[in-house]
N, C-alpha and C. Protein backbone atom coordinates (compact mmCIF):
# COMPACT_ATOMS: atom_id res chain seq x y z
N UNK A 1 -29.21 38.84 20.70
CA UNK A 1 -29.95 38.39 22.21
C UNK A 1 -30.32 36.67 21.72
N UNK A 2 -30.47 36.45 20.68
CA UNK A 2 -30.10 35.20 19.97
C UNK A 2 -29.01 34.58 20.39
N UNK A 3 -28.11 35.29 19.77
CA UNK A 3 -26.74 34.52 19.34
C UNK A 3 -25.96 34.44 20.91
N UNK A 4 -26.15 35.50 21.92
CA UNK A 4 -25.85 35.48 23.09
C UNK A 4 -26.41 34.11 23.83
N UNK A 5 -27.73 33.50 23.89
CA UNK A 5 -28.22 32.65 24.01
C UNK A 5 -27.80 31.45 23.85
N UNK A 6 -27.10 31.63 22.80
CA UNK A 6 -26.64 30.18 22.22
C UNK A 6 -25.35 30.12 22.26
N UNK A 7 -24.46 30.83 22.54
CA UNK A 7 -23.17 30.97 23.84
C UNK A 7 -23.48 30.76 25.30
N UNK A 8 -24.45 30.48 25.77
CA UNK A 8 -24.78 30.47 26.73
C UNK A 8 -24.81 29.27 27.39
N UNK A 9 -25.21 28.74 26.40
CA UNK A 9 -25.96 26.92 26.02
C UNK A 9 -24.77 26.34 26.74
N UNK A 10 -24.51 25.46 27.60
CA UNK A 10 -23.30 24.58 28.14
C UNK A 10 -23.09 23.25 26.88
N UNK A 11 -21.68 23.23 26.47
CA UNK A 11 -21.59 22.08 25.41
C UNK A 11 -21.95 20.67 26.32
N UNK A 12 -22.86 19.65 25.53
CA UNK A 12 -22.77 18.44 25.69
C UNK A 12 -21.52 17.11 26.21
N UNK A 13 -20.94 16.90 27.24
CA UNK A 13 -19.82 15.99 27.18
C UNK A 13 -20.47 15.05 27.93
N UNK A 14 -19.50 13.90 27.42
CA UNK A 14 -20.18 12.57 28.00
C UNK A 14 -19.19 12.45 28.94
N UNK A 15 -19.94 11.77 30.06
CA UNK A 15 -19.78 11.23 31.58
C UNK A 15 -18.66 10.21 31.48
N UNK A 16 -17.79 9.79 32.80
CA UNK A 16 -16.94 8.50 32.89
C UNK A 16 -17.54 7.26 32.64
N UNK A 17 -17.21 6.60 31.53
CA UNK A 17 -17.64 5.53 31.12
C UNK A 17 -18.94 5.74 30.06
N UNK A 18 -18.61 7.38 29.26
CA UNK A 18 -19.54 6.71 28.35
C UNK A 18 -19.58 7.49 26.93
N UNK A 19 -18.04 7.58 27.31
CA UNK A 19 -17.55 7.69 25.62
C UNK A 19 -17.12 7.22 25.05
N UNK A 20 -16.92 7.07 23.62
CA UNK A 20 -16.95 5.71 22.68
C UNK A 20 -15.20 5.98 22.13
N UNK A 21 -14.43 6.54 22.70
CA UNK A 21 -12.98 6.55 22.50
C UNK A 21 -12.59 7.88 21.17
N UNK A 22 -11.72 7.86 20.47
CA UNK A 22 -11.53 8.80 19.65
C UNK A 22 -12.02 7.85 18.53
N UNK A 23 -12.54 9.10 17.38
CA UNK A 23 -13.36 8.81 16.50
C UNK A 23 -12.03 8.36 15.82
N UNK A 24 -12.30 7.61 14.37
CA UNK A 24 -11.36 7.35 13.43
C UNK A 24 -11.10 8.42 12.58
N UNK A 25 -10.25 8.57 12.26
CA UNK A 25 -9.60 9.59 11.23
C UNK A 25 -10.50 9.52 9.66
N UNK A 26 -10.74 10.84 9.51
CA UNK A 26 -11.96 11.01 8.55
C UNK A 26 -10.68 11.48 7.52
N UNK A 27 -11.54 10.26 5.90
CA UNK A 27 -10.71 10.41 5.20
C UNK A 27 -10.51 11.81 4.06
N UNK A 28 -9.60 12.46 3.90
CA UNK A 28 -9.32 13.72 3.73
C UNK A 28 -8.64 13.75 2.04
N UNK A 29 -9.11 14.77 1.22
CA UNK A 29 -8.80 15.02 -0.27
C UNK A 29 -9.20 13.74 -0.80
N UNK A 30 -9.37 13.92 -2.08
CA UNK A 30 -10.27 13.29 -3.13
C UNK A 30 -9.45 11.81 -3.65
N UNK A 31 -10.18 11.31 -4.03
CA UNK A 31 -10.24 9.59 -3.64
C UNK A 31 -9.38 9.47 -5.20
N UNK A 32 -8.28 8.50 -4.80
CA UNK A 32 -7.48 8.21 -5.98
C UNK A 32 -7.97 7.58 -6.91
N UNK A 33 -7.53 7.98 -8.39
CA UNK A 33 -8.80 7.22 -9.61
C UNK A 33 -8.54 5.79 -9.80
N UNK A 34 -8.89 4.76 -10.15
CA UNK A 34 -9.38 3.44 -10.00
C UNK A 34 -10.04 3.20 -11.59
N UNK A 35 -9.84 1.81 -11.58
CA UNK A 35 -10.49 1.04 -12.47
C UNK A 35 -10.65 -0.25 -11.86
N UNK A 36 -11.70 -1.20 -12.82
CA UNK A 36 -12.24 -2.67 -12.31
C UNK A 36 -12.69 -3.09 -13.57
N UNK A 37 -12.25 -4.74 -13.83
CA UNK A 37 -12.47 -5.29 -14.90
C UNK A 37 -12.70 -6.94 -13.73
N UNK A 38 -13.68 -7.31 -14.48
CA UNK A 38 -14.14 -8.55 -13.94
C UNK A 38 -14.52 -9.79 -15.12
N UNK A 39 -14.65 -11.15 -14.98
CA UNK A 39 -14.81 -11.68 -15.67
C UNK A 39 -15.54 -12.93 -14.49
N UNK A 40 -16.03 -14.47 -15.15
CA UNK A 40 -16.29 -15.29 -14.35
C UNK A 40 -15.42 -15.76 -13.17
N UNK A 41 -13.62 -15.81 -13.23
CA UNK A 41 -13.17 -16.35 -12.76
C UNK A 41 -12.35 -15.15 -11.92
N UNK A 42 -12.46 -14.17 -12.48
CA UNK A 42 -11.29 -12.95 -11.51
C UNK A 42 -12.32 -11.97 -11.74
N UNK A 43 -11.54 -10.78 -10.47
CA UNK A 43 -11.53 -9.67 -9.98
C UNK A 43 -10.54 -8.67 -10.24
N UNK A 44 -10.02 -7.97 -11.14
CA UNK A 44 -8.71 -6.66 -11.05
C UNK A 44 -9.86 -5.14 -10.77
N UNK A 45 -8.56 -4.90 -9.34
CA UNK A 45 -9.04 -3.39 -8.87
C UNK A 45 -7.37 -3.07 -9.42
N UNK A 46 -7.14 -1.57 -9.68
CA UNK A 46 -6.39 -1.11 -10.08
C UNK A 46 -6.46 0.38 -9.23
N UNK A 47 -5.77 0.95 -8.37
CA UNK A 47 -5.55 2.11 -8.04
C UNK A 47 -4.28 2.72 -8.64
N UNK A 48 -4.93 4.17 -9.22
CA UNK A 48 -3.67 4.84 -9.60
C UNK A 48 -3.00 5.96 -9.01
N UNK A 49 -1.74 5.88 -8.34
CA UNK A 49 -1.68 7.30 -7.86
C UNK A 49 -0.05 7.80 -8.53
N UNK A 50 -0.48 8.66 -9.36
CA UNK A 50 0.25 9.49 -10.22
C UNK A 50 1.05 8.50 -11.65
N UNK A 51 2.24 7.95 -10.90
CA UNK A 51 2.69 7.01 -12.20
C UNK A 51 2.61 5.82 -11.24
N UNK A 52 2.07 5.48 -9.99
CA UNK A 52 2.60 4.54 -9.25
C UNK A 52 0.80 3.67 -9.46
N UNK A 53 1.13 2.76 -9.62
CA UNK A 53 -0.30 1.39 -9.87
C UNK A 53 -0.01 -0.03 -9.05
N UNK A 54 -1.20 0.10 -8.39
CA UNK A 54 -1.64 -0.61 -7.46
C UNK A 54 -2.72 -1.95 -7.52
N UNK A 55 -2.13 -2.85 -8.32
CA UNK A 55 -3.46 -3.68 -8.57
C UNK A 55 -3.85 -4.92 -7.85
N UNK A 56 -5.09 -5.30 -7.35
CA UNK A 56 -5.36 -6.72 -6.47
C UNK A 56 -6.23 -7.28 -7.40
N UNK A 57 -5.86 -8.75 -7.11
CA UNK A 57 -6.71 -10.16 -7.94
C UNK A 57 -7.02 -10.47 -7.18
N UNK A 58 -8.48 -10.67 -7.26
CA UNK A 58 -9.32 -11.97 -6.12
C UNK A 58 -10.27 -12.68 -7.36
N UNK A 59 -10.67 -14.01 -6.67
CA UNK A 59 -11.25 -14.85 -7.19
C UNK A 59 -12.86 -14.26 -7.37
N UNK A 60 -13.03 -14.31 -8.29
CA UNK A 60 -14.62 -13.51 -8.43
C UNK A 60 -15.86 -14.53 -7.85
N UNK A 61 -15.87 -15.39 -7.27
CA UNK A 61 -16.73 -16.55 -6.53
C UNK A 61 -16.26 -16.12 -5.04
N UNK A 62 -15.53 -15.79 -4.50
CA UNK A 62 -15.18 -15.84 -3.38
C UNK A 62 -14.35 -14.35 -2.65
N UNK A 63 -13.95 -14.13 -3.74
CA UNK A 63 -13.59 -12.84 -3.28
C UNK A 63 -11.65 -12.85 -2.56
N UNK A 64 -11.36 -14.02 -2.63
CA UNK A 64 -9.97 -14.52 -1.84
C UNK A 64 -8.57 -14.10 -3.00
N UNK A 65 -7.91 -13.78 -2.79
CA UNK A 65 -6.70 -13.33 -3.59
C UNK A 65 -6.09 -14.40 -3.94
N UNK A 66 -5.53 -14.11 -5.39
CA UNK A 66 -5.14 -15.38 -6.08
C UNK A 66 -4.02 -15.48 -6.23
N UNK A 67 -3.61 -16.91 -5.61
CA UNK A 67 -2.30 -17.31 -5.17
C UNK A 67 -1.47 -17.61 -6.70
N UNK A 68 -0.64 -16.92 -6.40
CA UNK A 68 0.32 -17.76 -7.74
C UNK A 68 0.48 -17.06 -8.99
N UNK A 69 -0.66 -16.11 -9.18
CA UNK A 69 -1.01 -15.64 -10.40
C UNK A 69 0.29 -15.05 -11.02
N UNK A 70 0.14 -14.64 -12.28
CA UNK A 70 0.85 -14.19 -13.42
C UNK A 70 -0.13 -12.87 -14.18
N UNK A 71 0.52 -11.77 -14.17
CA UNK A 71 -0.49 -10.93 -14.46
C UNK A 71 0.30 -10.15 -15.77
N UNK A 72 -0.46 -10.07 -16.45
CA UNK A 72 0.36 -9.03 -17.89
C UNK A 72 -0.81 -7.88 -17.96
N UNK A 73 -0.39 -6.76 -18.43
CA UNK A 73 -1.51 -5.37 -18.27
C UNK A 73 -0.80 -4.62 -19.45
N UNK A 74 -2.47 -3.82 -19.98
CA UNK A 74 -1.81 -3.05 -20.93
C UNK A 74 -2.88 -1.98 -21.19
N UNK A 75 -2.14 -0.51 -20.54
CA UNK A 75 -2.83 0.72 -20.66
C UNK A 75 -2.85 1.95 -21.89
N UNK A 76 -3.87 1.46 -22.41
CA UNK A 76 -3.56 2.59 -23.77
C UNK A 76 -3.12 2.29 -24.69
N UNK A 77 -2.59 0.99 -24.84
CA UNK A 77 -2.07 0.45 -25.71
C UNK A 77 -0.42 -0.09 -25.70
N UNK A 78 -0.22 0.29 -24.05
CA UNK A 78 1.19 0.28 -23.55
C UNK A 78 1.58 -0.85 -22.94
N UNK A 79 2.39 -1.83 -23.22
CA UNK A 79 2.48 -3.10 -22.06
C UNK A 79 3.17 -2.48 -20.91
N UNK A 80 2.48 -3.07 -19.50
CA UNK A 80 3.29 -2.62 -18.65
C UNK A 80 3.82 -3.14 -17.74
N UNK A 81 5.25 -3.13 -17.32
CA UNK A 81 5.66 -4.35 -16.23
C UNK A 81 5.08 -4.56 -14.77
N UNK A 82 4.32 -5.28 -14.57
CA UNK A 82 4.24 -5.62 -13.20
C UNK A 82 4.71 -6.59 -12.55
N UNK A 83 5.15 -6.17 -11.19
CA UNK A 83 5.52 -7.25 -10.34
C UNK A 83 4.76 -7.58 -9.08
N UNK A 84 4.68 -8.85 -8.79
CA UNK A 84 4.14 -9.30 -7.53
C UNK A 84 4.50 -8.73 -6.55
N UNK A 85 3.71 -7.98 -5.73
CA UNK A 85 3.91 -7.59 -4.63
C UNK A 85 3.59 -8.75 -3.12
N UNK A 86 2.35 -9.34 -3.18
CA UNK A 86 1.67 -10.02 -2.18
C UNK A 86 1.03 -10.74 -2.61
N UNK A 87 0.21 -11.71 -2.41
CA UNK A 87 -0.71 -12.81 -2.60
C UNK A 87 -1.69 -11.53 -3.17
N UNK A 88 -1.92 -11.66 -4.46
CA UNK A 88 -3.19 -11.84 -4.98
C UNK A 88 -3.11 -10.03 -4.93
N UNK A 89 -1.70 -9.52 -4.81
CA UNK A 89 -1.56 -8.18 -5.22
C UNK A 89 -0.28 -7.52 -6.26
N UNK A 90 -0.28 -6.66 -6.37
CA UNK A 90 0.83 -6.25 -7.85
C UNK A 90 1.08 -4.89 -7.99
N UNK A 91 1.94 -4.48 -8.22
CA UNK A 91 2.48 -3.20 -8.41
C UNK A 91 3.11 -3.13 -9.59
N UNK A 92 3.01 -1.74 -10.33
CA UNK A 92 3.48 -1.39 -11.34
C UNK A 92 4.25 0.14 -11.63
N UNK A 93 4.84 0.80 -12.01
CA UNK A 93 5.30 2.11 -12.25
C UNK A 93 5.13 2.41 -14.21
N UNK A 94 4.23 3.36 -13.90
CA UNK A 94 3.29 3.77 -15.53
C UNK A 94 5.40 4.85 -16.00
N UNK A 95 5.87 5.11 -17.17
CA UNK A 95 6.50 5.45 -17.62
C UNK A 95 5.82 7.18 -17.53
N UNK A 96 5.20 7.63 -17.89
CA UNK A 96 4.36 8.85 -17.46
C UNK A 96 2.94 9.06 -16.89
N UNK A 97 2.35 9.86 -16.31
CA UNK A 97 1.21 10.06 -16.25
C UNK A 97 -0.19 9.77 -16.85
N UNK A 98 -0.97 9.45 -16.68
CA UNK A 98 -1.82 9.08 -17.68
C UNK A 98 -2.46 10.43 -18.10
N UNK A 99 -2.94 10.45 -19.22
CA UNK A 99 -3.86 11.70 -19.36
C UNK A 99 -5.05 11.63 -19.22
N UNK A 100 -5.82 12.98 -18.29
CA UNK A 100 -6.98 13.16 -18.71
C UNK A 100 -8.26 12.39 -19.55
N UNK A 101 -9.18 11.81 -19.67
CA UNK A 101 -10.20 10.90 -20.33
C UNK A 101 -10.12 9.60 -20.02
N UNK A 102 -10.79 9.05 -21.00
CA UNK A 102 -10.71 7.60 -20.79
C UNK A 102 -9.82 6.50 -21.53
N UNK A 103 -9.24 5.96 -20.90
CA UNK A 103 -8.15 4.77 -21.64
C UNK A 103 -8.83 3.18 -21.11
N UNK A 104 -8.61 2.72 -22.48
CA UNK A 104 -9.01 1.07 -22.24
C UNK A 104 -7.66 0.68 -21.64
N UNK A 105 -7.81 -0.49 -20.78
CA UNK A 105 -7.39 -1.51 -20.20
C UNK A 105 -7.67 -2.73 -20.28
N UNK A 106 -6.60 -3.66 -20.92
CA UNK A 106 -6.71 -5.11 -20.97
C UNK A 106 -6.02 -5.65 -19.59
N UNK A 107 -6.06 -6.80 -19.33
CA UNK A 107 -5.17 -7.74 -18.52
C UNK A 107 -5.07 -9.17 -19.00
N UNK A 108 -4.13 -9.97 -18.97
CA UNK A 108 -4.51 -11.19 -18.97
C UNK A 108 -3.66 -11.90 -17.77
N UNK A 109 -4.50 -12.65 -16.98
CA UNK A 109 -4.50 -13.27 -15.72
C UNK A 109 -4.07 -15.13 -16.29
N UNK A 110 -2.91 -15.45 -15.58
CA UNK A 110 -2.62 -17.11 -15.63
C UNK A 110 -2.71 -17.37 -14.19
N UNK A 111 -3.51 -18.17 -13.95
CA UNK A 111 -3.53 -18.78 -12.62
C UNK A 111 -3.58 -20.34 -12.89
N UNK A 112 -2.64 -21.19 -12.54
CA UNK A 112 -2.53 -22.20 -12.92
C UNK A 112 -3.20 -22.50 -14.17
N UNK A 113 -4.44 -23.54 -14.39
CA UNK A 113 -4.40 -24.14 -15.73
C UNK A 113 -5.38 -22.91 -16.64
N UNK A 114 -5.51 -21.71 -15.56
CA UNK A 114 -6.61 -20.93 -16.22
C UNK A 114 -6.56 -19.47 -16.65
N UNK A 115 -6.24 -19.36 -18.20
CA UNK A 115 -5.56 -18.09 -18.29
C UNK A 115 -7.43 -16.95 -18.77
N UNK A 116 -7.21 -15.87 -18.42
CA UNK A 116 -8.41 -15.36 -18.82
C UNK A 116 -8.29 -13.99 -19.04
N UNK A 117 -8.55 -13.38 -19.70
CA UNK A 117 -8.49 -11.85 -20.18
C UNK A 117 -9.70 -11.32 -19.67
N UNK A 118 -9.45 -9.88 -19.23
CA UNK A 118 -9.79 -9.28 -18.35
C UNK A 118 -10.07 -8.02 -19.16
N UNK A 119 -10.93 -7.12 -19.16
CA UNK A 119 -10.95 -5.64 -19.75
C UNK A 119 -11.97 -4.70 -19.19
N UNK A 120 -11.36 -3.58 -19.14
CA UNK A 120 -12.01 -2.11 -18.27
C UNK A 120 -11.82 -1.06 -18.80
N UNK A 121 -11.84 0.05 -18.43
CA UNK A 121 -11.49 0.91 -18.70
C UNK A 121 -11.22 2.17 -17.44
N UNK A 122 -10.33 3.25 -18.04
CA UNK A 122 -10.06 4.29 -16.73
C UNK A 122 -10.22 5.13 -17.18
N UNK A 123 -10.99 6.01 -16.26
CA UNK A 123 -11.91 7.49 -17.00
C UNK A 123 -11.49 8.77 -15.68
N UNK A 124 -10.72 9.18 -16.66
CA UNK A 124 -9.33 10.35 -15.66
C UNK A 124 -10.32 11.69 -16.01
N UNK A 125 -10.32 12.42 -14.89
CA UNK A 125 -11.23 13.55 -15.22
C UNK A 125 -10.62 14.74 -14.02
N UNK A 126 -9.46 15.26 -14.20
CA UNK A 126 -9.02 15.52 -12.86
C UNK A 126 -9.48 17.34 -12.64
N UNK A 127 -9.86 17.92 -14.30
CA UNK A 127 -10.45 19.53 -13.62
C UNK A 127 -11.61 19.34 -12.69
N UNK A 128 -12.44 18.24 -13.52
CA UNK A 128 -14.03 18.46 -13.10
C UNK A 128 -13.63 18.23 -11.53
N UNK A 129 -12.78 17.58 -10.70
CA UNK A 129 -13.15 17.20 -9.23
C UNK A 129 -12.33 18.59 -8.49
N UNK A 130 -11.30 19.02 -9.37
CA UNK A 130 -10.98 20.30 -8.49
C UNK A 130 -11.90 21.64 -8.39
N UNK A 131 -12.52 21.74 -9.83
CA UNK A 131 -13.53 22.58 -10.08
C UNK A 131 -14.94 22.16 -8.74
N UNK A 132 -15.30 21.21 -8.69
CA UNK A 132 -16.24 20.81 -7.76
C UNK A 132 -15.74 21.19 -6.01
N UNK A 133 -14.55 20.53 -5.81
CA UNK A 133 -14.02 21.14 -4.45
C UNK A 133 -14.18 22.70 -4.16
N UNK A 134 -13.34 23.94 -5.47
CA UNK A 134 -13.53 25.24 -5.19
C UNK A 134 -15.07 25.57 -4.90
N UNK A 135 -16.25 25.05 -5.84
CA UNK A 135 -17.77 24.96 -5.97
C UNK A 135 -18.21 25.15 -4.53
N UNK A 136 -17.60 23.74 -3.83
CA UNK A 136 -18.49 23.24 -2.32
C UNK A 136 -17.37 23.96 -1.21
N UNK A 137 -16.13 24.82 -1.47
CA UNK A 137 -15.86 25.61 -1.09
C UNK A 137 -16.59 27.13 -0.53
N UNK A 138 -16.95 27.25 -1.68
CA UNK A 138 -17.73 28.71 -1.96
C UNK A 138 -18.78 28.68 -1.62
N UNK A 139 -19.96 27.43 -1.42
CA UNK A 139 -21.18 27.34 -1.16
C UNK A 139 -21.09 27.41 0.32
N UNK A 140 -19.87 26.58 0.72
CA UNK A 140 -20.00 26.53 2.18
C UNK A 140 -19.70 27.84 2.89
N UNK A 141 -18.62 28.71 2.58
CA UNK A 141 -18.68 29.93 3.18
C UNK A 141 -19.57 30.48 2.52
N UNK A 142 -20.48 30.93 1.47
CA UNK A 142 -21.58 31.97 1.07
C UNK A 142 -22.90 31.25 2.34
N UNK A 143 -23.06 30.17 2.94
CA UNK A 143 -23.61 29.55 3.64
C UNK A 143 -23.48 30.51 4.98
N UNK A 144 -22.24 30.50 5.37
CA UNK A 144 -21.59 30.97 6.61
C UNK A 144 -22.33 32.76 6.50
N UNK A 145 -21.62 33.24 5.43
CA UNK A 145 -22.20 34.73 5.62
C UNK A 145 -23.79 35.19 5.22
N UNK A 146 -24.55 34.45 4.83
CA UNK A 146 -25.51 34.07 4.72
C UNK A 146 -25.87 34.26 6.48
N UNK A 147 -25.71 33.41 7.02
CA UNK A 147 -25.75 33.18 8.61
C UNK A 147 -26.26 33.98 9.48
N UNK A 148 -24.68 34.86 8.78
CA UNK A 148 -24.18 36.38 10.07
C UNK A 148 -25.14 37.23 9.50
N UNK A 149 -25.08 36.92 8.18
CA UNK A 149 -25.57 38.58 7.93
C UNK A 149 -27.56 38.04 8.28
N UNK A 150 -27.76 36.82 8.46
CA UNK A 150 -29.32 37.09 9.45
C UNK A 150 -29.51 37.05 10.61
N UNK A 151 -28.18 36.47 11.20
CA UNK A 151 -28.49 36.97 12.64
C UNK A 151 -28.32 38.64 13.03
N UNK A 152 -27.15 39.35 12.13
CA UNK A 152 -27.47 41.09 12.58
C UNK A 152 -28.44 41.72 11.93
N UNK A 153 -29.35 41.00 11.18
CA UNK A 153 -30.44 41.47 10.58
C UNK A 153 -31.40 41.34 11.86
N UNK A 154 -31.37 40.57 12.69
CA UNK A 154 -32.04 40.29 13.86
C UNK A 154 -31.93 40.77 14.84
N UNK A 155 -30.50 40.76 15.07
CA UNK A 155 -30.27 41.76 16.44
C UNK A 155 -30.59 43.26 16.10
N UNK A 156 -30.07 43.88 14.82
CA UNK A 156 -30.67 45.18 14.76
C UNK A 156 -32.09 45.68 14.60
N UNK A 157 -32.97 44.45 13.87
CA UNK A 157 -34.83 44.41 14.01
C UNK A 157 -34.91 44.42 15.46
N UNK A 158 -33.86 43.77 16.20
CA UNK A 158 -34.56 44.01 17.59
C UNK A 158 -34.33 44.86 18.88
N UNK A 159 -32.79 45.58 18.27
CA UNK A 159 -32.62 46.62 18.80
C UNK A 159 -33.63 48.26 18.27
N UNK A 160 -34.24 48.11 17.00
CA UNK A 160 -34.70 49.28 16.40
C UNK A 160 -36.09 49.26 17.13
N UNK A 161 -36.76 47.74 17.28
CA UNK A 161 -38.34 47.26 18.58
C UNK A 161 -38.25 47.90 19.54
N UNK A 162 -36.77 47.69 20.56
CA UNK A 162 -36.72 47.76 22.12
C UNK A 162 -36.63 49.38 21.64
N UNK A 163 -35.67 50.11 20.98
CA UNK A 163 -35.32 51.93 21.07
C UNK A 163 -37.02 52.60 20.65
N UNK A 164 -37.72 51.76 19.79
CA UNK A 164 -39.30 52.32 19.80
C UNK A 164 -39.91 51.95 20.41
N UNK A 165 -39.96 51.21 21.61
CA UNK A 165 -41.05 51.34 22.51
C UNK A 165 -40.51 52.18 23.62
N UNK A 166 -38.84 52.21 23.65
CA UNK A 166 -38.80 53.60 24.88
C UNK A 166 -39.15 54.39 24.60
N UNK A 167 -38.87 55.29 23.25
CA UNK A 167 -39.07 56.59 22.70
C UNK A 167 -41.00 56.58 23.07
N UNK A 168 -41.82 55.51 22.67
CA UNK A 168 -42.96 55.60 23.17
C UNK A 168 -43.50 55.60 24.38
N UNK A 169 -42.82 55.17 25.08
CA UNK A 169 -43.08 54.92 27.02
C UNK A 169 -42.99 56.23 27.39
N UNK A 170 -41.70 57.06 26.83
CA UNK A 170 -41.15 58.53 27.23
C UNK A 170 -42.02 59.52 26.81
N UNK A 171 -42.25 59.36 25.90
CA UNK A 171 -43.25 60.58 25.12
C UNK A 171 -44.93 60.63 25.88
N UNK A 172 -45.42 59.35 26.19
CA UNK A 172 -46.63 59.32 27.06
C UNK A 172 -46.45 60.20 28.05
N UNK A 173 -45.29 59.79 29.30
CA UNK A 173 -45.36 60.41 30.48
C UNK A 173 -45.24 61.92 30.43
N UNK A 174 -44.77 62.41 28.72
CA UNK A 174 -44.75 64.00 29.20
C UNK A 174 -46.06 64.90 28.99
């Protein structure tokens, strides 16, 4: 009965001029691994997508891209050839995908008369993310199963109560 009542309720809909347009698409899938390194002068953020590396270099005080900078990057003791892509943006290709675990990262930035050494660490744990995704899927499915079983139990209880009341009324008349 409760399930039928819920199905009978019409969905709320916005009238003319009261909707807010299409919702922005939600991000799907796991976030790409990244690392950050910061000094008094610079901030470096890198995003790792398989063997492709995108690096963003900004001034620490203003968060504006660093113009005409040269960047040398070393990941896990291996020097990576970095190419400028846009103002404050660089790209590189790794020889092979990085292994799971903590990998030290150092970057040397030269911008005009300023040279700085940035250090950070890239922490990859791909197996944990896959297990978390599966766990949340099963938790969601078990919640739905529990809800359906609860609704069926409530319907069975209601039917049994109805049938018992009908028998007692019929028996009293005879």
